[in-house]
Amino acid sequence: GYDANRIGAAGSSAGGHLAALLGTSGGVKELRGDVSVCLDQSDRVQAVCDMWGPTDFLRMGGWHDAPDSPESQLIGGPIRDHPREVARANPITYVDPKDPPFLLIHGENDRVVPVNQSELLADALKRAKIPCDLKILPGVGHGGRGYPPQKIAEMIRTFFDRTLRR
């Protein structure tokens, strides 16, 4: 009962990282998993909403470089010591012209995931000529705190309506 050609992914913070990774890594065979199943099915989504998610671990700075940071724990060691593994986990690594449209939402005062993470991904997507709408929320920190949730929901609904409805 669903249309496999109208799938959108969305997430916030670590979930935003995963949604962005899903959106940029479509078609990357080494990330596909068991390639003996569903060979006739695409692994691409048609739209992505990434809310304040990390996109390039080595360009976050500060405490994110620590051996016990969430990024280092995901990689299995200090990120500065594992650049190859970090590159495999970064959504920005896989940006190409076949990627779907993106909506990036980020608080300008985010102290958990710096706003540069969304800016970096937006720049990479635009260079690849991927439609990308970057919404930086003024005076807002991580998680959109202090911004009316209904306004965020409306941004997301409008984006998915525009990109997925036919």
C-alpha atoms as a PDB file:
ATOM      1  CA  GLY A   1       0.000   0.000   0.000  1.00  0.00           C
ATOM      2  CA  TYR A   2       2.932   2.398  -0.227  1.00  0.00           C
ATOM      3  CA  ASP A   3       4.720   3.934  -3.182  1.00  0.00           C
ATOM      4  CA  ALA A   4       8.410   2.969  -3.140  1.00  0.00           C
ATOM      5  CA  ASN A   5       9.105   5.997  -5.335  1.00  0.00           C
ATOM      6  CA  ARG A   6       7.860   8.443  -2.689  1.00  0.00           C
ATOM      7  CA  ILE A   7       9.851   7.727   0.442  1.00  0.00           C
ATOM      8  CA  GLY A   8      11.143  10.512   2.649  1.00  0.00           C
ATOM      9  CA  ALA A   9      13.527  10.193   5.572  1.00  0.00           C
ATOM     10  CA  ALA A  10      13.653  12.534   8.542  1.00  0.00           C
ATOM     11  CA  GLY A  11      15.472  12.659  11.840  1.00  0.00           C
ATOM     12  CA  SER A  12      16.913  14.970  14.434  1.00  0.00           C
ATOM     13  CA  SER A  13      20.396  15.050  15.956  1.00  0.00           C
ATOM     14  CA  ALA A  14      21.800  11.490  15.628  1.00  0.00           C
ATOM     15  CA  GLY A  15      18.632  10.624  13.698  1.00  0.00           C
ATOM     16  CA  GLY A  16      19.320  13.581  11.398  1.00  0.00           C
ATOM     17  CA  HIS A  17      22.782  12.139  10.778  1.00  0.00           C
ATOM     18  CA  LEU A  18      21.202   8.797   9.834  1.00  0.00           C
ATOM     19  CA  ALA A  19      18.547  10.395   7.600  1.00  0.00           C
ATOM     20  CA  ALA A  20      21.228  12.428   5.813  1.00  0.00           C
ATOM     21  CA  LEU A  21      23.429   9.336   5.451  1.00  0.00           C
ATOM     22  CA  LEU A  22      20.479   7.434   3.988  1.00  0.00           C
ATOM     23  CA  GLY A  23      19.870  10.280   1.557  1.00  0.00           C
ATOM     24  CA  THR A  24      23.443  10.612   0.338  1.00  0.00           C
ATOM     25  CA  SER A  25      24.555   6.976   0.337  1.00  0.00           C
ATOM     26  CA  GLY A  26      21.905   5.557  -2.006  1.00  0.00           C
ATOM     27  CA  GLY A  27      23.601   3.403  -4.592  1.00  0.00           C
ATOM     28  CA  VAL A  28      26.808   2.958  -2.554  1.00  0.00           C
ATOM     29  CA  LYS A  29      27.257  -0.806  -2.859  1.00  0.00           C
ATOM     30  CA  GLU A  30      29.610  -1.298   0.085  1.00  0.00           C
ATOM     31  CA  LEU A  31      26.986   0.196   2.420  1.00  0.00           C
ATOM     32  CA  ARG A  32      24.073  -1.801   1.073  1.00  0.00           C
ATOM     33  CA  GLY A  33      24.545  -4.876   3.256  1.00  0.00           C
ATOM     34  CA  ASP A  34      23.444  -8.271   2.005  1.00  0.00           C
ATOM     35  CA  VAL A  35      23.492  -7.718  -1.739  1.00  0.00           C
ATOM     36  CA  SER A  36      21.891 -11.087  -2.440  1.00  0.00           C
ATOM     37  CA  VAL A  37      18.415  -9.776  -1.556  1.00  0.00           C
ATOM     38  CA  CYS A  38      16.245  -7.114  -3.174  1.00  0.00           C
ATOM     39  CA  LEU A  39      18.615  -6.578  -6.067  1.00  0.00           C
ATOM     40  CA  ASP A  40      15.726  -5.267  -8.127  1.00  0.00           C
ATOM     41  CA  GLN A  41      14.888  -2.596  -5.520  1.00  0.00           C
ATOM     42  CA  SER A  42      16.453   0.821  -5.166  1.00  0.00           C
ATOM     43  CA  ASP A  43      18.020   1.804  -1.858  1.00  0.00           C
ATOM     44  CA  ARG A  44      17.378   5.500  -2.540  1.00  0.00           C
ATOM     45  CA  VAL A  45      14.889   7.779  -0.815  1.00  0.00           C
ATOM     46  CA  GLN A  46      13.274  10.708  -2.619  1.00  0.00           C
ATOM     47  CA  ALA A  47      13.527  13.405   0.070  1.00  0.00           C
ATOM     48  CA  VAL A  48      15.445  14.030   3.323  1.00  0.00           C
ATOM     49  CA  CYS A  49      14.813  16.295   6.287  1.00  0.00           C
ATOM     50  CA  ASP A  50      17.881  16.523   8.545  1.00  0.00           C
ATOM     51  CA  MET A  51      17.281  18.468  11.742  1.00  0.00           C
ATOM     52  CA  TRP A  52      20.475  19.541  13.518  1.00  0.00           C
ATOM     53  CA  GLY A  53      22.377  16.364  12.652  1.00  0.00           C
ATOM     54  CA  PRO A  54      26.142  15.967  12.313  1.00  0.00           C
ATOM     55  CA  THR A  55      27.387  15.600   8.737  1.00  0.00           C
ATOM     56  CA  ASP A  56      31.207  15.818   8.895  1.00  0.00           C
ATOM     57  CA  PHE A  57      32.639  14.574  12.205  1.00  0.00           C
ATOM     58  CA  LEU A  58      36.161  15.883  11.596  1.00  0.00           C
ATOM     59  CA  ARG A  59      34.864  19.430  11.170  1.00  0.00           C
ATOM     60  CA  MET A  60      32.840  19.654  14.380  1.00  0.00           C
ATOM     61  CA  GLY A  61      35.746  20.530  16.679  1.00  0.00           C
ATOM     62  CA  GLY A  62      35.892  20.882  20.441  1.00  0.00           C
ATOM     63  CA  TRP A  63      34.705  18.032  22.616  1.00  0.00           C
ATOM     64  CA  HIS A  64      33.616  16.026  19.558  1.00  0.00           C
ATOM     65  CA  ASP A  65      37.292  15.087  19.044  1.00  0.00           C
ATOM     66  CA  ALA A  66      37.536  13.497  22.510  1.00  0.00           C
ATOM     67  CA  PRO A  67      37.983   9.704  22.718  1.00  0.00           C
ATOM     68  CA  ASP A  68      34.687   9.415  24.637  1.00  0.00           C
ATOM     69  CA  SER A  69      32.627  11.679  22.349  1.00  0.00           C
ATOM     70  CA  PRO A  70      29.529  10.166  20.723  1.00  0.00           C
ATOM     71  CA  GLU A  71      31.277  10.361  17.349  1.00  0.00           C
ATOM     72  CA  SER A  72      34.353   8.500  18.638  1.00  0.00           C
ATOM     73  CA  GLN A  73      32.138   5.894  20.275  1.00  0.00           C
ATOM     74  CA  LEU A  74      30.283   5.367  16.980  1.00  0.00           C
ATOM     75  CA  ILE A  75      33.565   4.956  15.075  1.00  0.00           C
ATOM     76  CA  GLY A  76      35.123   2.704  17.724  1.00  0.00           C
ATOM     77  CA  GLY A  77      37.997   5.012  18.665  1.00  0.00           C
ATOM     78  CA  PRO A  78      39.121   8.645  18.610  1.00  0.00           C
ATOM     79  CA  ILE A  79      37.897  10.169  15.369  1.00  0.00           C
ATOM     80  CA  ARG A  80      41.233  11.859  14.631  1.00  0.00           C
ATOM     81  CA  ASP A  81      42.903   8.424  14.720  1.00  0.00           C
ATOM     82  CA  HIS A  82      40.369   6.825  12.344  1.00  0.00           C
ATOM     83  CA  PRO A  83      39.857   9.134   9.341  1.00  0.00           C
ATOM     84  CA  ARG A  84      38.860   6.309   6.977  1.00  0.00           C
ATOM     85  CA  GLU A  85      36.139   5.078   9.300  1.00  0.00           C
ATOM     86  CA  VAL A  86      34.981   8.653   9.900  1.00  0.00           C
ATOM     87  CA  ALA A  87      34.704   9.268   6.164  1.00  0.00           C
ATOM     88  CA  ARG A  88      32.520   6.151   5.821  1.00  0.00           C
ATOM     89  CA  ALA A  89      30.183   7.488   8.557  1.00  0.00           C
ATOM     90  CA  ASN A  90      29.940  11.053   7.218  1.00  0.00           C
ATOM     91  CA  PRO A  91      26.895  11.822   5.053  1.00  0.00           C
ATOM     92  CA  ILE A  92      28.905  14.518   3.282  1.00  0.00           C
ATOM     93  CA  THR A  93      31.290  11.864   1.915  1.00  0.00           C
ATOM     94  CA  TYR A  94      28.657  10.434  -0.411  1.00  0.00           C
ATOM     95  CA  VAL A  95      27.044  13.576  -1.875  1.00  0.00           C
ATOM     96  CA  ASP A  96      26.506  13.185  -5.605  1.00  0.00           C
ATOM     97  CA  PRO A  97      24.149  14.536  -8.282  1.00  0.00           C
ATOM     98  CA  LYS A  98      21.730  11.599  -7.838  1.00  0.00           C
ATOM     99  CA  ASP A  99      20.849  12.562  -4.256  1.00  0.00           C
ATOM    100  CA  PRO A 100      17.301  13.636  -3.361  1.00  0.00           C
ATOM    101  CA  PRO A 101      16.205  17.118  -2.283  1.00  0.00           C
ATOM    102  CA  PHE A 102      17.123  18.057   1.293  1.00  0.00           C
ATOM    103  CA  LEU A 103      15.615  20.250   3.979  1.00  0.00           C
ATOM    104  CA  LEU A 104      18.178  21.139   6.641  1.00  0.00           C
ATOM    105  CA  ILE A 105      16.975  22.743   9.876  1.00  0.00           C
ATOM    106  CA  HIS A 106      19.451  23.950  12.501  1.00  0.00           C
ATOM    107  CA  GLY A 107      19.500  26.327  15.462  1.00  0.00           C
ATOM    108  CA  GLU A 108      22.027  29.129  15.057  1.00  0.00           C
ATOM    109  CA  ASN A 109      23.078  28.764  18.725  1.00  0.00           C
ATOM    110  CA  ASP A 110      23.368  24.964  18.763  1.00  0.00           C
ATOM    111  CA  ARG A 111      26.168  24.056  21.205  1.00  0.00           C
ATOM    112  CA  VAL A 112      25.763  20.291  20.786  1.00  0.00           C
ATOM    113  CA  VAL A 113      26.016  19.983  16.992  1.00  0.00           C
ATOM    114  CA  PRO A 114      27.502  23.160  15.527  1.00  0.00           C
ATOM    115  CA  VAL A 115      25.421  24.898  12.859  1.00  0.00           C
ATOM    116  CA  ASN A 116      28.395  24.552  10.498  1.00  0.00           C
ATOM    117  CA  GLN A 117      27.380  20.910  10.081  1.00  0.00           C
ATOM    118  CA  SER A 118      24.220  21.858   8.191  1.00  0.00           C
ATOM    119  CA  GLU A 119      26.024  24.650   6.354  1.00  0.00           C
ATOM    120  CA  LEU A 120      28.737  22.247   5.154  1.00  0.00           C
ATOM    121  CA  LEU A 121      26.192  19.732   3.878  1.00  0.00           C
ATOM    122  CA  ALA A 122      24.118  22.469   2.222  1.00  0.00           C
ATOM    123  CA  ASP A 123      27.214  23.722   0.388  1.00  0.00           C
ATOM    124  CA  ALA A 124      28.139  20.209  -0.779  1.00  0.00           C
ATOM    125  CA  LEU A 125      24.588  19.520  -1.969  1.00  0.00           C
ATOM    126  CA  LYS A 126      24.408  22.813  -3.838  1.00  0.00           C
ATOM    127  CA  ARG A 127      27.753  22.096  -5.546  1.00  0.00           C
ATOM    128  CA  ALA A 128      26.230  18.785  -6.701  1.00  0.00           C
ATOM    129  CA  LYS A 129      23.163  20.725  -7.921  1.00  0.00           C
ATOM    130  CA  ILE A 130      20.850  19.026  -5.417  1.00  0.00           C
ATOM    131  CA  PRO A 131      17.854  21.108  -4.284  1.00  0.00           C
ATOM    132  CA  CYS A 132      18.542  22.062  -0.685  1.00  0.00           C
ATOM    133  CA  ASP A 133      16.717  24.383   1.653  1.00  0.00           C
ATOM    134  CA  LEU A 134      18.720  25.407   4.736  1.00  0.00           C
ATOM    135  CA  LYS A 135      16.650  26.896   7.554  1.00  0.00           C
ATOM    136  CA  ILE A 136      18.761  28.382  10.342  1.00  0.00           C
ATOM    137  CA  LEU A 137      16.564  29.141  13.327  1.00  0.00           C
ATOM    138  CA  PRO A 138      17.609  32.450  14.947  1.00  0.00           C
ATOM    139  CA  GLY A 139      18.399  32.372  18.662  1.00  0.00           C
ATOM    140  CA  VAL A 140      17.720  28.626  18.869  1.00  0.00           C
ATOM    141  CA  GLY A 141      19.900  25.866  20.314  1.00  0.00           C
ATOM    142  CA  HIS A 142      20.023  22.112  19.835  1.00  0.00           C
ATOM    143  CA  GLY A 143      16.721  20.393  19.266  1.00  0.00           C
ATOM    144  CA  GLY A 144      14.932  23.529  18.184  1.00  0.00           C
ATOM    145  CA  ARG A 145      14.373  24.500  21.818  1.00  0.00           C
ATOM    146  CA  GLY A 146      12.762  27.891  22.006  1.00  0.00           C
ATOM    147  CA  TYR A 147      11.293  27.666  18.500  1.00  0.00           C
ATOM    148  CA  PRO A 148       7.577  26.931  18.101  1.00  0.00           C
ATOM    149  CA  PRO A 149       7.310  23.208  17.284  1.00  0.00           C
ATOM    150  CA  GLN A 150       4.316  23.845  15.032  1.00  0.00           C
ATOM    151  CA  LYS A 151       6.480  26.089  12.819  1.00  0.00           C
ATOM    152  CA  ILE A 152       9.104  23.347  12.488  1.00  0.00           C
ATOM    153  CA  ALA A 153       6.358  20.814  11.738  1.00  0.00           C
ATOM    154  CA  GLU A 154       4.947  23.128   9.068  1.00  0.00           C
ATOM    155  CA  MET A 155       8.381  23.506   7.409  1.00  0.00           C
ATOM    156  CA  ILE A 156       8.709  19.724   7.285  1.00  0.00           C
ATOM    157  CA  ARG A 157       5.163  19.136   6.045  1.00  0.00           C
ATOM    158  CA  THR A 158       5.557  21.761   3.306  1.00  0.00           C
ATOM    159  CA  PHE A 159       8.875  20.244   2.204  1.00  0.00           C
ATOM    160  CA  PHE A 160       7.560  16.681   2.019  1.00  0.00           C
ATOM    161  CA  ASP A 161       4.350  17.810   0.303  1.00  0.00           C
ATOM    162  CA  ARG A 162       6.408  19.621  -2.326  1.00  0.00           C
ATOM    163  CA  THR A 163       8.928  16.797  -2.902  1.00  0.00           C
ATOM    164  CA  LEU A 164       6.815  13.645  -2.517  1.00  0.00           C
ATOM    165  CA  ARG A 165       3.278  14.442  -3.668  1.00  0.00           C
ATOM    166  CA  ARG A 166       2.388  14.086  -7.309  1.00  0.00           C
END
